N, C-alpha and C. Protein backbone atom coordinates (compact mmCIF):
# COMPACT_ATOMS: atom_id res chain seq x y z
N MET A 1 0.85 -1.19 0.00
CA MET A 1 0.00 0.00 0.00
C MET A 1 0.88 1.24 0.00
N ASP A 2 0.70 2.12 -0.97
CA ASP A 2 1.43 3.38 -1.03
C ASP A 2 0.46 4.51 -0.70
N CYS A 3 0.96 5.50 0.03
CA CYS A 3 0.12 6.65 0.33
C CYS A 3 0.96 7.90 0.28
N ILE A 4 0.29 9.05 0.06
CA ILE A 4 0.99 10.32 -0.05
C ILE A 4 0.79 11.14 1.22
N ALA A 5 -0.45 11.25 1.66
CA ALA A 5 -0.73 12.12 2.80
C ALA A 5 -0.44 11.46 4.13
N GLY A 6 -0.48 10.14 4.21
CA GLY A 6 -0.29 9.45 5.46
C GLY A 6 1.01 8.67 5.48
N VAL A 7 1.03 7.58 6.23
CA VAL A 7 2.21 6.76 6.39
C VAL A 7 2.08 5.52 5.51
N SER A 8 3.12 5.23 4.73
CA SER A 8 3.11 4.05 3.88
C SER A 8 3.48 2.82 4.69
N ARG A 9 2.58 1.87 4.78
CA ARG A 9 2.82 0.64 5.53
C ARG A 9 2.61 -0.54 4.58
N LYS A 10 3.65 -0.84 3.82
CA LYS A 10 3.56 -1.90 2.82
C LYS A 10 3.71 -3.26 3.48
N PRO A 11 2.95 -4.27 3.02
CA PRO A 11 3.14 -5.64 3.53
C PRO A 11 4.57 -6.10 3.29
N TRP A 12 5.08 -6.90 4.18
CA TRP A 12 6.42 -7.45 4.01
C TRP A 12 6.45 -8.89 4.52
N SER A 13 7.40 -9.65 4.03
CA SER A 13 7.50 -11.05 4.42
C SER A 13 8.97 -11.42 4.60
N LEU A 14 9.20 -12.46 5.39
CA LEU A 14 10.56 -12.90 5.68
C LEU A 14 10.57 -14.42 5.86
N PRO A 15 11.27 -15.15 5.00
CA PRO A 15 11.41 -16.60 5.22
C PRO A 15 12.35 -16.87 6.40
N PHE A 16 12.06 -17.91 7.15
CA PHE A 16 12.93 -18.29 8.26
C PHE A 16 12.84 -19.80 8.49
N THR A 17 13.80 -20.31 9.19
CA THR A 17 13.81 -21.72 9.58
C THR A 17 13.36 -21.81 11.03
N ALA A 18 12.43 -22.70 11.31
CA ALA A 18 11.88 -22.82 12.66
C ALA A 18 12.92 -23.40 13.60
N GLU A 19 13.72 -22.52 14.17
CA GLU A 19 14.73 -22.89 15.15
C GLU A 19 14.64 -21.90 16.32
N PRO A 20 14.93 -22.36 17.54
CA PRO A 20 14.82 -21.45 18.70
C PRO A 20 15.61 -20.16 18.54
N GLN A 21 16.81 -20.24 17.95
CA GLN A 21 17.63 -19.03 17.82
C GLN A 21 17.06 -18.03 16.83
N GLU A 22 16.14 -18.48 15.98
CA GLU A 22 15.53 -17.58 15.01
C GLU A 22 14.47 -16.68 15.65
N VAL A 23 13.92 -17.12 16.76
CA VAL A 23 12.81 -16.37 17.37
C VAL A 23 13.26 -14.98 17.81
N ALA A 24 14.44 -14.88 18.42
CA ALA A 24 14.94 -13.57 18.86
C ALA A 24 15.14 -12.63 17.68
N ALA A 25 15.64 -13.17 16.55
CA ALA A 25 15.83 -12.35 15.36
C ALA A 25 14.50 -11.85 14.82
N LEU A 26 13.49 -12.71 14.83
CA LEU A 26 12.16 -12.31 14.36
C LEU A 26 11.59 -11.20 15.24
N ARG A 27 11.83 -11.28 16.54
CA ARG A 27 11.36 -10.23 17.45
C ARG A 27 12.03 -8.90 17.15
N ARG A 28 13.34 -8.92 16.87
CA ARG A 28 14.06 -7.68 16.56
C ARG A 28 13.54 -7.08 15.25
N ILE A 29 13.32 -7.93 14.27
CA ILE A 29 12.84 -7.44 12.98
C ILE A 29 11.43 -6.85 13.12
N MET A 30 10.60 -7.50 13.94
CA MET A 30 9.25 -6.98 14.17
C MET A 30 9.32 -5.59 14.82
N ARG A 31 10.20 -5.44 15.81
CA ARG A 31 10.36 -4.13 16.46
C ARG A 31 10.81 -3.07 15.45
N LEU A 32 11.75 -3.43 14.59
CA LEU A 32 12.25 -2.50 13.59
C LEU A 32 11.13 -2.02 12.68
N HIS A 33 10.40 -2.95 12.10
CA HIS A 33 9.38 -2.58 11.12
C HIS A 33 8.24 -1.79 11.75
N LEU A 34 7.77 -2.23 12.91
CA LEU A 34 6.67 -1.50 13.53
C LEU A 34 7.12 -0.13 14.00
N GLY A 35 8.40 0.00 14.38
CA GLY A 35 8.93 1.31 14.71
C GLY A 35 8.92 2.24 13.51
N LEU A 36 9.32 1.72 12.35
CA LEU A 36 9.30 2.52 11.13
C LEU A 36 7.88 2.85 10.69
N TRP A 37 6.94 2.00 11.04
CA TRP A 37 5.54 2.26 10.73
C TRP A 37 4.91 3.23 11.73
N GLY A 38 5.64 3.60 12.78
CA GLY A 38 5.08 4.50 13.78
C GLY A 38 4.11 3.82 14.73
N LEU A 39 4.18 2.49 14.85
CA LEU A 39 3.24 1.74 15.69
C LEU A 39 3.93 1.24 16.95
N HIS A 40 4.53 2.16 17.69
CA HIS A 40 5.30 1.78 18.87
C HIS A 40 4.42 1.16 19.96
N GLY A 41 3.15 1.53 20.00
CA GLY A 41 2.27 1.04 21.06
C GLY A 41 1.93 -0.43 20.96
N VAL A 42 2.13 -1.05 19.81
CA VAL A 42 1.78 -2.47 19.65
C VAL A 42 3.02 -3.36 19.53
N ILE A 43 4.21 -2.78 19.68
CA ILE A 43 5.44 -3.56 19.47
C ILE A 43 5.53 -4.73 20.44
N ASP A 44 5.30 -4.49 21.73
CA ASP A 44 5.44 -5.57 22.71
C ASP A 44 4.48 -6.72 22.42
N ALA A 45 3.23 -6.38 22.13
CA ALA A 45 2.24 -7.42 21.83
C ALA A 45 2.59 -8.16 20.55
N ALA A 46 3.07 -7.43 19.54
CA ALA A 46 3.45 -8.06 18.28
C ALA A 46 4.63 -8.99 18.46
N GLN A 47 5.60 -8.58 19.28
CA GLN A 47 6.74 -9.45 19.55
C GLN A 47 6.30 -10.72 20.26
N LEU A 48 5.38 -10.60 21.20
CA LEU A 48 4.85 -11.79 21.86
C LEU A 48 4.20 -12.72 20.85
N CYS A 49 3.39 -12.15 19.96
CA CYS A 49 2.67 -12.96 18.98
C CYS A 49 3.63 -13.68 18.03
N VAL A 50 4.63 -12.96 17.52
CA VAL A 50 5.54 -13.62 16.58
C VAL A 50 6.35 -14.69 17.30
N SER A 51 6.67 -14.49 18.57
CA SER A 51 7.38 -15.51 19.34
C SER A 51 6.54 -16.76 19.48
N GLU A 52 5.28 -16.58 19.82
CA GLU A 52 4.41 -17.74 20.04
C GLU A 52 4.09 -18.47 18.74
N LEU A 53 3.84 -17.71 17.67
CA LEU A 53 3.51 -18.37 16.40
C LEU A 53 4.71 -19.14 15.85
N ALA A 54 5.90 -18.54 15.97
CA ALA A 54 7.10 -19.23 15.50
C ALA A 54 7.41 -20.44 16.38
N SER A 55 7.26 -20.28 17.69
CA SER A 55 7.52 -21.39 18.61
C SER A 55 6.53 -22.52 18.38
N ASN A 56 5.32 -22.18 17.98
CA ASN A 56 4.31 -23.19 17.70
C ASN A 56 4.75 -24.09 16.54
N VAL A 57 5.40 -23.48 15.54
CA VAL A 57 5.92 -24.28 14.42
C VAL A 57 7.02 -25.21 14.91
N ILE A 58 7.91 -24.68 15.74
CA ILE A 58 9.01 -25.49 16.27
C ILE A 58 8.47 -26.67 17.07
N ASN A 59 7.50 -26.40 17.95
CA ASN A 59 7.00 -27.42 18.87
C ASN A 59 6.15 -28.49 18.19
N HIS A 60 5.41 -28.10 17.16
CA HIS A 60 4.43 -29.02 16.58
C HIS A 60 4.80 -29.52 15.18
N ALA A 61 5.39 -28.64 14.36
CA ALA A 61 5.82 -29.09 13.04
C ALA A 61 7.24 -29.64 13.08
N GLY A 62 8.03 -29.15 14.05
CA GLY A 62 9.38 -29.67 14.22
C GLY A 62 10.44 -28.63 13.90
N ALA A 63 11.53 -28.67 14.68
CA ALA A 63 12.65 -27.77 14.43
C ALA A 63 13.21 -28.00 13.04
N GLY A 64 13.59 -26.92 12.39
CA GLY A 64 14.13 -27.02 11.04
C GLY A 64 13.10 -26.88 9.94
N THR A 65 11.82 -26.76 10.32
CA THR A 65 10.76 -26.60 9.32
C THR A 65 10.86 -25.24 8.64
N PRO A 66 10.87 -25.18 7.31
CA PRO A 66 10.85 -23.88 6.62
C PRO A 66 9.54 -23.16 6.89
N ALA A 67 9.62 -21.87 7.15
CA ALA A 67 8.43 -21.09 7.46
C ALA A 67 8.57 -19.69 6.90
N MET A 68 7.50 -18.93 6.98
CA MET A 68 7.49 -17.57 6.45
C MET A 68 6.70 -16.67 7.39
N LEU A 69 7.29 -15.52 7.74
CA LEU A 69 6.59 -14.50 8.50
C LEU A 69 6.08 -13.45 7.53
N VAL A 70 4.79 -13.12 7.63
CA VAL A 70 4.17 -12.11 6.77
C VAL A 70 3.45 -11.10 7.67
N VAL A 71 3.74 -9.82 7.47
CA VAL A 71 3.12 -8.77 8.28
C VAL A 71 2.49 -7.74 7.35
N SER A 72 1.27 -7.36 7.65
CA SER A 72 0.55 -6.40 6.81
C SER A 72 -0.45 -5.64 7.67
N MET A 73 -1.11 -4.68 7.04
CA MET A 73 -2.19 -3.98 7.70
C MET A 73 -3.52 -4.56 7.21
N SER A 74 -4.41 -4.85 8.15
CA SER A 74 -5.76 -5.30 7.83
C SER A 74 -6.71 -4.24 8.37
N GLY A 75 -7.06 -3.28 7.50
CA GLY A 75 -7.76 -2.11 7.99
C GLY A 75 -6.81 -1.34 8.90
N ALA A 76 -7.24 -1.05 10.13
CA ALA A 76 -6.40 -0.36 11.09
C ALA A 76 -5.70 -1.33 12.04
N ARG A 77 -5.76 -2.63 11.74
CA ARG A 77 -5.10 -3.64 12.57
C ARG A 77 -3.79 -4.08 11.92
N VAL A 78 -2.84 -4.50 12.76
CA VAL A 78 -1.63 -5.16 12.27
C VAL A 78 -1.92 -6.66 12.19
N ARG A 79 -1.71 -7.22 11.01
CA ARG A 79 -1.95 -8.66 10.81
C ARG A 79 -0.61 -9.38 10.74
N ILE A 80 -0.43 -10.38 11.58
CA ILE A 80 0.79 -11.18 11.63
C ILE A 80 0.45 -12.60 11.21
N GLU A 81 1.17 -13.11 10.23
CA GLU A 81 0.94 -14.48 9.75
C GLU A 81 2.25 -15.26 9.81
N VAL A 82 2.14 -16.53 10.15
CA VAL A 82 3.26 -17.46 10.02
C VAL A 82 2.79 -18.62 9.16
N HIS A 83 3.50 -18.83 8.05
CA HIS A 83 3.17 -19.90 7.10
C HIS A 83 4.14 -21.06 7.30
N ASP A 84 3.62 -22.28 7.30
CA ASP A 84 4.50 -23.45 7.29
C ASP A 84 3.81 -24.57 6.52
N SER A 85 4.57 -25.60 6.20
CA SER A 85 4.09 -26.64 5.28
C SER A 85 3.40 -27.80 5.96
N ASP A 86 3.35 -27.83 7.29
CA ASP A 86 2.75 -28.96 8.00
C ASP A 86 1.27 -28.66 8.26
N THR A 87 0.40 -29.29 7.50
CA THR A 87 -1.04 -29.05 7.63
C THR A 87 -1.68 -29.95 8.68
N ARG A 88 -0.88 -30.80 9.32
CA ARG A 88 -1.43 -31.71 10.33
C ARG A 88 -1.41 -31.09 11.72
N ALA A 89 -0.36 -30.32 12.01
CA ALA A 89 -0.19 -29.76 13.36
C ALA A 89 -0.89 -28.42 13.46
N LEU A 90 -2.09 -28.44 14.04
CA LEU A 90 -2.88 -27.21 14.14
C LEU A 90 -2.82 -26.64 15.55
N PRO A 91 -2.56 -25.34 15.67
CA PRO A 91 -2.55 -24.72 17.01
C PRO A 91 -3.95 -24.70 17.59
N VAL A 92 -4.03 -24.89 18.89
CA VAL A 92 -5.32 -24.89 19.57
C VAL A 92 -5.23 -24.00 20.79
N LEU A 93 -6.38 -23.48 21.20
CA LEU A 93 -6.46 -22.65 22.40
C LEU A 93 -6.77 -23.55 23.58
N ARG A 94 -5.78 -23.73 24.46
CA ARG A 94 -5.95 -24.62 25.60
C ARG A 94 -6.19 -23.81 26.87
N ASP A 95 -6.94 -24.40 27.78
CA ASP A 95 -7.17 -23.79 29.08
C ASP A 95 -6.12 -24.35 30.03
N ALA A 96 -4.88 -23.84 29.86
CA ALA A 96 -3.77 -24.38 30.63
C ALA A 96 -3.83 -23.88 32.07
N ALA A 97 -3.36 -24.71 32.98
CA ALA A 97 -3.30 -24.32 34.39
C ALA A 97 -2.29 -23.19 34.56
N LEU A 98 -2.46 -22.41 35.63
CA LEU A 98 -1.58 -21.26 35.85
C LEU A 98 -0.13 -21.67 36.03
N ASP A 99 0.11 -22.86 36.58
CA ASP A 99 1.48 -23.30 36.81
C ASP A 99 2.01 -24.20 35.70
N ALA A 100 1.27 -24.29 34.58
CA ALA A 100 1.72 -25.14 33.47
C ALA A 100 2.91 -24.50 32.77
N GLU A 101 3.85 -25.33 32.33
CA GLU A 101 5.04 -24.83 31.65
C GLU A 101 4.83 -24.73 30.14
N SER A 102 3.76 -25.28 29.62
CA SER A 102 3.49 -25.23 28.18
C SER A 102 1.98 -25.18 27.96
N GLY A 103 1.58 -24.95 26.72
CA GLY A 103 0.17 -24.97 26.38
C GLY A 103 -0.52 -23.64 26.53
N ARG A 104 0.23 -22.59 26.90
CA ARG A 104 -0.41 -21.29 27.13
C ARG A 104 -0.14 -20.31 26.01
N GLY A 105 0.60 -20.72 24.97
CA GLY A 105 1.00 -19.81 23.91
C GLY A 105 -0.16 -19.14 23.20
N MET A 106 -1.09 -19.91 22.68
CA MET A 106 -2.20 -19.34 21.95
C MET A 106 -3.16 -18.60 22.87
N ALA A 107 -3.20 -18.99 24.14
CA ALA A 107 -4.01 -18.25 25.11
C ALA A 107 -3.48 -16.83 25.27
N MET A 108 -2.16 -16.69 25.30
CA MET A 108 -1.56 -15.36 25.40
C MET A 108 -1.80 -14.56 24.13
N VAL A 109 -1.68 -15.23 22.97
CA VAL A 109 -1.97 -14.55 21.71
C VAL A 109 -3.41 -14.06 21.70
N SER A 110 -4.33 -14.92 22.13
CA SER A 110 -5.74 -14.54 22.16
C SER A 110 -5.99 -13.36 23.09
N ALA A 111 -5.21 -13.29 24.18
CA ALA A 111 -5.42 -12.23 25.16
C ALA A 111 -5.01 -10.85 24.65
N VAL A 112 -4.02 -10.78 23.76
CA VAL A 112 -3.50 -9.47 23.33
C VAL A 112 -3.98 -9.07 21.93
N THR A 113 -4.70 -9.94 21.24
CA THR A 113 -5.15 -9.64 19.88
C THR A 113 -6.66 -9.47 19.82
N ASP A 114 -7.12 -8.89 18.72
CA ASP A 114 -8.55 -8.80 18.48
C ASP A 114 -9.11 -10.15 18.05
N ARG A 115 -8.30 -10.87 17.26
CA ARG A 115 -8.74 -12.17 16.75
C ARG A 115 -7.55 -12.93 16.19
N TRP A 116 -7.70 -14.25 16.07
CA TRP A 116 -6.66 -15.09 15.50
C TRP A 116 -7.32 -16.31 14.87
N GLY A 117 -6.57 -17.01 14.05
CA GLY A 117 -7.15 -18.19 13.41
C GLY A 117 -6.11 -18.96 12.62
N VAL A 118 -6.59 -20.01 11.95
CA VAL A 118 -5.73 -20.86 11.12
C VAL A 118 -6.42 -21.07 9.79
N GLN A 119 -5.68 -20.90 8.71
CA GLN A 119 -6.19 -21.16 7.37
C GLN A 119 -5.42 -22.33 6.77
N LEU A 120 -6.14 -23.36 6.36
CA LEU A 120 -5.51 -24.50 5.72
C LEU A 120 -5.58 -24.34 4.21
N GLN A 121 -4.44 -24.46 3.56
CA GLN A 121 -4.36 -24.41 2.10
C GLN A 121 -3.85 -25.74 1.58
N ALA A 122 -3.74 -25.87 0.28
CA ALA A 122 -3.39 -27.16 -0.31
C ALA A 122 -2.05 -27.68 0.20
N ASP A 123 -1.07 -26.82 0.32
CA ASP A 123 0.28 -27.27 0.67
C ASP A 123 0.86 -26.58 1.90
N GLN A 124 0.03 -25.84 2.63
CA GLN A 124 0.54 -25.15 3.80
C GLN A 124 -0.59 -24.72 4.72
N LYS A 125 -0.22 -24.30 5.91
CA LYS A 125 -1.20 -23.68 6.81
C LYS A 125 -0.70 -22.29 7.17
N VAL A 126 -1.63 -21.42 7.46
CA VAL A 126 -1.33 -20.05 7.83
C VAL A 126 -1.97 -19.79 9.19
N THR A 127 -1.13 -19.55 10.18
CA THR A 127 -1.62 -19.15 11.50
C THR A 127 -1.49 -17.65 11.61
N TRP A 128 -2.58 -16.97 11.93
CA TRP A 128 -2.58 -15.52 11.87
C TRP A 128 -3.23 -14.91 13.12
N CYS A 129 -2.92 -13.65 13.35
CA CYS A 129 -3.59 -12.89 14.41
C CYS A 129 -3.58 -11.42 14.00
N GLU A 130 -4.47 -10.65 14.59
CA GLU A 130 -4.59 -9.23 14.28
C GLU A 130 -4.62 -8.39 15.55
N LEU A 131 -3.77 -7.37 15.56
CA LEU A 131 -3.62 -6.49 16.73
C LEU A 131 -4.27 -5.12 16.45
N PRO A 132 -5.07 -4.60 17.37
CA PRO A 132 -5.62 -3.25 17.17
C PRO A 132 -4.53 -2.20 17.37
N THR A 133 -4.56 -1.16 16.54
CA THR A 133 -3.57 -0.09 16.64
C THR A 133 -4.14 1.20 17.20
N GLY A 134 -5.46 1.36 17.14
CA GLY A 134 -6.07 2.61 17.57
C GLY A 134 -5.99 3.70 16.53
N LEU A 135 -5.44 3.39 15.34
CA LEU A 135 -5.36 4.38 14.27
C LEU A 135 -6.72 4.52 13.58
N PRO A 136 -6.98 5.68 12.98
CA PRO A 136 -8.23 5.85 12.26
C PRO A 136 -8.29 5.07 10.96
N SER A 137 -7.12 4.75 10.37
CA SER A 137 -7.07 4.01 9.12
C SER A 137 -5.71 3.35 9.00
N ALA A 138 -5.54 2.52 7.96
CA ALA A 138 -4.29 1.79 7.78
C ALA A 138 -3.10 2.72 7.56
N GLU A 139 -3.34 3.87 6.94
CA GLU A 139 -2.26 4.81 6.67
C GLU A 139 -2.27 5.99 7.64
N GLY A 140 -3.07 5.89 8.69
CA GLY A 140 -3.18 6.99 9.65
C GLY A 140 -1.95 7.14 10.52
N HIS A 141 -1.90 8.24 11.23
CA HIS A 141 -0.77 8.52 12.12
C HIS A 141 -1.27 9.34 13.29
N SER A 142 -0.64 9.14 14.45
CA SER A 142 -1.05 9.89 15.63
C SER A 142 -0.45 11.30 15.67
N GLY A 143 0.50 11.59 14.75
CA GLY A 143 1.15 12.90 14.73
C GLY A 143 0.47 13.84 13.76
N ASP A 144 1.09 15.03 13.57
CA ASP A 144 0.52 16.02 12.68
C ASP A 144 1.11 15.87 11.27
N ALA A 145 0.85 16.86 10.41
CA ALA A 145 1.29 16.77 9.02
C ALA A 145 2.82 16.70 8.90
N ARG A 146 3.52 17.46 9.76
CA ARG A 146 4.98 17.43 9.71
C ARG A 146 5.51 16.04 10.08
N VAL A 147 4.90 15.41 11.08
CA VAL A 147 5.32 14.07 11.48
C VAL A 147 5.06 13.07 10.35
N ASN A 148 3.94 13.23 9.69
CA ASN A 148 3.62 12.34 8.56
C ASN A 148 4.67 12.45 7.46
N ARG A 149 5.06 13.69 7.13
CA ARG A 149 6.05 13.87 6.07
C ARG A 149 7.40 13.27 6.47
N ALA A 150 7.79 13.52 7.73
CA ALA A 150 9.07 12.98 8.21
C ALA A 150 9.05 11.46 8.21
N GLU A 151 7.92 10.87 8.59
CA GLU A 151 7.81 9.41 8.64
C GLU A 151 8.03 8.81 7.26
N ALA A 152 7.44 9.43 6.24
CA ALA A 152 7.61 8.92 4.87
C ALA A 152 9.07 8.99 4.43
N TRP A 153 9.73 10.10 4.74
CA TRP A 153 11.16 10.25 4.39
C TRP A 153 12.00 9.21 5.12
N LEU A 154 11.80 9.08 6.42
CA LEU A 154 12.63 8.19 7.22
C LEU A 154 12.46 6.74 6.81
N SER A 155 11.25 6.34 6.46
CA SER A 155 11.03 4.97 6.03
C SER A 155 11.86 4.65 4.80
N GLY A 156 11.87 5.56 3.83
CA GLY A 156 12.65 5.34 2.62
C GLY A 156 14.14 5.25 2.89
N TYR A 157 14.65 6.13 3.73
CA TYR A 157 16.08 6.12 4.04
C TYR A 157 16.46 4.88 4.83
N ALA A 158 15.68 4.52 5.82
CA ALA A 158 16.04 3.40 6.68
C ALA A 158 15.98 2.08 5.93
N TYR A 159 15.03 1.91 5.03
CA TYR A 159 14.89 0.64 4.32
C TYR A 159 16.03 0.41 3.32
N GLN A 160 16.74 1.46 2.90
CA GLN A 160 17.80 1.31 1.92
C GLN A 160 18.90 0.38 2.43
N HIS A 161 19.23 0.47 3.72
CA HIS A 161 20.31 -0.34 4.28
C HIS A 161 19.83 -1.10 5.50
N GLU A 162 18.60 -1.54 5.47
CA GLU A 162 17.97 -2.14 6.64
C GLU A 162 18.70 -3.38 7.14
N SER A 163 19.07 -4.32 6.26
CA SER A 163 19.67 -5.57 6.69
C SER A 163 21.00 -5.34 7.39
N LEU A 164 21.84 -4.45 6.79
CA LEU A 164 23.15 -4.17 7.37
C LEU A 164 22.99 -3.50 8.73
N ARG A 165 22.09 -2.54 8.80
CA ARG A 165 21.93 -1.80 10.04
C ARG A 165 21.32 -2.68 11.13
N LEU A 166 20.38 -3.53 10.76
CA LEU A 166 19.72 -4.38 11.74
C LEU A 166 20.71 -5.32 12.40
N ALA A 167 21.74 -5.71 11.67
CA ALA A 167 22.71 -6.66 12.20
C ALA A 167 23.52 -6.06 13.34
N ARG A 168 23.60 -4.72 13.41
CA ARG A 168 24.46 -4.13 14.43
C ARG A 168 23.74 -3.16 15.35
N THR A 169 22.46 -2.95 15.16
CA THR A 169 21.79 -1.96 16.00
C THR A 169 20.32 -2.26 16.11
N GLY A 170 19.59 -1.48 16.92
CA GLY A 170 18.17 -1.68 17.12
C GLY A 170 17.35 -0.68 16.34
N ALA A 171 16.01 -0.79 16.47
CA ALA A 171 15.11 0.02 15.64
C ALA A 171 15.27 1.51 15.88
N ILE A 172 15.42 1.93 17.15
CA ILE A 172 15.52 3.36 17.44
C ILE A 172 16.76 3.94 16.79
N ALA A 173 17.88 3.22 16.89
CA ALA A 173 19.11 3.71 16.27
C ALA A 173 19.00 3.76 14.76
N VAL A 174 18.28 2.81 14.17
CA VAL A 174 18.08 2.81 12.72
C VAL A 174 17.35 4.07 12.29
N VAL A 175 16.27 4.41 12.98
CA VAL A 175 15.49 5.60 12.62
C VAL A 175 16.31 6.86 12.86
N GLU A 176 17.07 6.90 13.96
CA GLU A 176 17.90 8.07 14.24
C GLU A 176 18.94 8.26 13.14
N GLU A 177 19.57 7.17 12.71
CA GLU A 177 20.56 7.27 11.64
C GLU A 177 19.91 7.73 10.33
N ALA A 178 18.70 7.24 10.08
CA ALA A 178 17.99 7.67 8.88
C ALA A 178 17.70 9.16 8.93
N ALA A 179 17.33 9.68 10.10
CA ALA A 179 17.07 11.11 10.25
C ALA A 179 18.32 11.92 9.97
N ILE A 180 19.46 11.43 10.47
CA ILE A 180 20.72 12.13 10.22
C ILE A 180 21.05 12.10 8.73
N ASP A 181 20.80 10.96 8.07
CA ASP A 181 21.02 10.87 6.62
C ASP A 181 20.22 11.93 5.87
N VAL A 182 18.96 12.10 6.29
CA VAL A 182 18.10 13.10 5.64
C VAL A 182 18.70 14.49 5.78
N VAL A 183 19.11 14.85 7.00
CA VAL A 183 19.67 16.19 7.25
C VAL A 183 20.94 16.40 6.45
N VAL A 184 21.83 15.40 6.44
CA VAL A 184 23.09 15.53 5.71
C VAL A 184 22.85 15.69 4.21
N ASP A 185 21.93 14.91 3.66
CA ASP A 185 21.63 15.02 2.23
C ASP A 185 21.09 16.41 1.89
N ILE A 186 20.24 16.95 2.75
CA ILE A 186 19.70 18.29 2.51
C ILE A 186 20.81 19.33 2.57
N LEU A 187 21.75 19.19 3.51
CA LEU A 187 22.87 20.13 3.59
C LEU A 187 23.72 20.06 2.32
N HIS A 188 23.94 18.85 1.80
CA HIS A 188 24.67 18.71 0.54
C HIS A 188 23.91 19.41 -0.60
N TRP A 189 22.60 19.27 -0.60
CA TRP A 189 21.77 19.89 -1.66
C TRP A 189 21.88 21.41 -1.58
N LEU A 190 21.81 21.94 -0.36
CA LEU A 190 21.91 23.39 -0.19
C LEU A 190 23.26 23.91 -0.69
N ARG A 191 24.34 23.21 -0.33
CA ARG A 191 25.67 23.65 -0.76
C ARG A 191 25.82 23.55 -2.27
N ALA A 192 25.27 22.48 -2.85
CA ALA A 192 25.37 22.30 -4.30
C ALA A 192 24.67 23.41 -5.06
N HIS A 193 23.70 24.05 -4.43
CA HIS A 193 22.97 25.13 -5.08
C HIS A 193 23.44 26.51 -4.61
N GLY A 194 24.63 26.55 -3.99
CA GLY A 194 25.21 27.82 -3.60
C GLY A 194 24.56 28.49 -2.42
N LEU A 195 23.85 27.73 -1.60
CA LEU A 195 23.16 28.31 -0.44
C LEU A 195 23.97 28.07 0.83
N ASP A 196 23.68 28.83 1.86
CA ASP A 196 24.40 28.76 3.13
C ASP A 196 23.75 27.71 4.02
N ALA A 197 24.41 26.54 4.16
CA ALA A 197 23.85 25.44 4.94
C ALA A 197 23.74 25.80 6.41
N ASP A 198 24.74 26.51 6.95
CA ASP A 198 24.70 26.89 8.37
C ASP A 198 23.53 27.81 8.67
N GLU A 199 23.31 28.76 7.78
CA GLU A 199 22.19 29.68 7.99
C GLU A 199 20.86 28.93 7.95
N ALA A 200 20.74 27.96 7.01
CA ALA A 200 19.52 27.18 6.92
C ALA A 200 19.29 26.36 8.20
N LEU A 201 20.38 25.80 8.75
CA LEU A 201 20.26 25.04 10.00
C LEU A 201 19.81 25.93 11.14
N ASP A 202 20.37 27.13 11.22
CA ASP A 202 19.99 28.06 12.28
C ASP A 202 18.52 28.44 12.17
N ARG A 203 18.08 28.72 10.96
CA ARG A 203 16.68 29.09 10.76
C ARG A 203 15.75 27.93 11.10
N ALA A 204 16.15 26.71 10.71
CA ALA A 204 15.34 25.53 11.01
C ALA A 204 15.25 25.31 12.52
N GLN A 205 16.38 25.47 13.22
CA GLN A 205 16.39 25.29 14.67
C GLN A 205 15.50 26.32 15.35
N THR A 206 15.58 27.57 14.90
CA THR A 206 14.73 28.62 15.48
C THR A 206 13.26 28.31 15.28
N ARG A 207 12.91 27.89 14.06
CA ARG A 207 11.49 27.59 13.78
C ARG A 207 11.02 26.38 14.58
N PHE A 208 11.89 25.35 14.70
CA PHE A 208 11.53 24.16 15.46
C PHE A 208 11.26 24.50 16.92
N GLU A 209 12.15 25.31 17.52
CA GLU A 209 11.97 25.68 18.93
C GLU A 209 10.69 26.50 19.14
N ALA A 210 10.39 27.36 18.16
CA ALA A 210 9.17 28.17 18.28
C ALA A 210 7.92 27.28 18.21
N GLU A 211 7.93 26.29 17.31
CA GLU A 211 6.76 25.43 17.14
C GLU A 211 6.64 24.40 18.26
N ALA A 212 7.76 24.08 18.91
CA ALA A 212 7.75 23.08 19.97
C ALA A 212 7.26 23.62 21.31
N GLU A 213 7.20 24.94 21.43
CA GLU A 213 6.77 25.55 22.69
C GLU A 213 5.29 25.34 22.94
């Protein structure tokens, strides 16, 4: 989905192997993407969901099973899907005891989501859940017009080198670096056109402080 006035939140997918060490990486990637989407309020719940859905594949389909994480917007909800090829092992919602060490995964998913389910296809199953965001629409934002414009710029800059940056840093640092990239590029543009970059920075700082009061 592309948008001009709001925030672009395009569906994305990531293949992974169902192994315990992969779960932490999936959680980091989820934090990165939802941060770039401006959906900081649902990051914790989304990380829980991706952990449980991926762990469900490990526990029931078996370690080493090829799988796919797919994240998209469903209206104003975040939709998280995990695809795998084992159509026999279906997740179920169990009424696990409070002291049980297992069997509570889908119960936790159910507790933090609006809804969840399983879709059986010819050669795979899709376990999915949807998280409410509180946004007015899929491309909505809780900020003003300036925040919307900045979000669109930062998403483009951060995605250019996302894999390299993700390997060495977290989502907040990725966005901060993207913001610095934007400022540096603009300073280069000003200089290339014979304009005073320092004066432009001073004027921008003055205007920012006035609007932030």
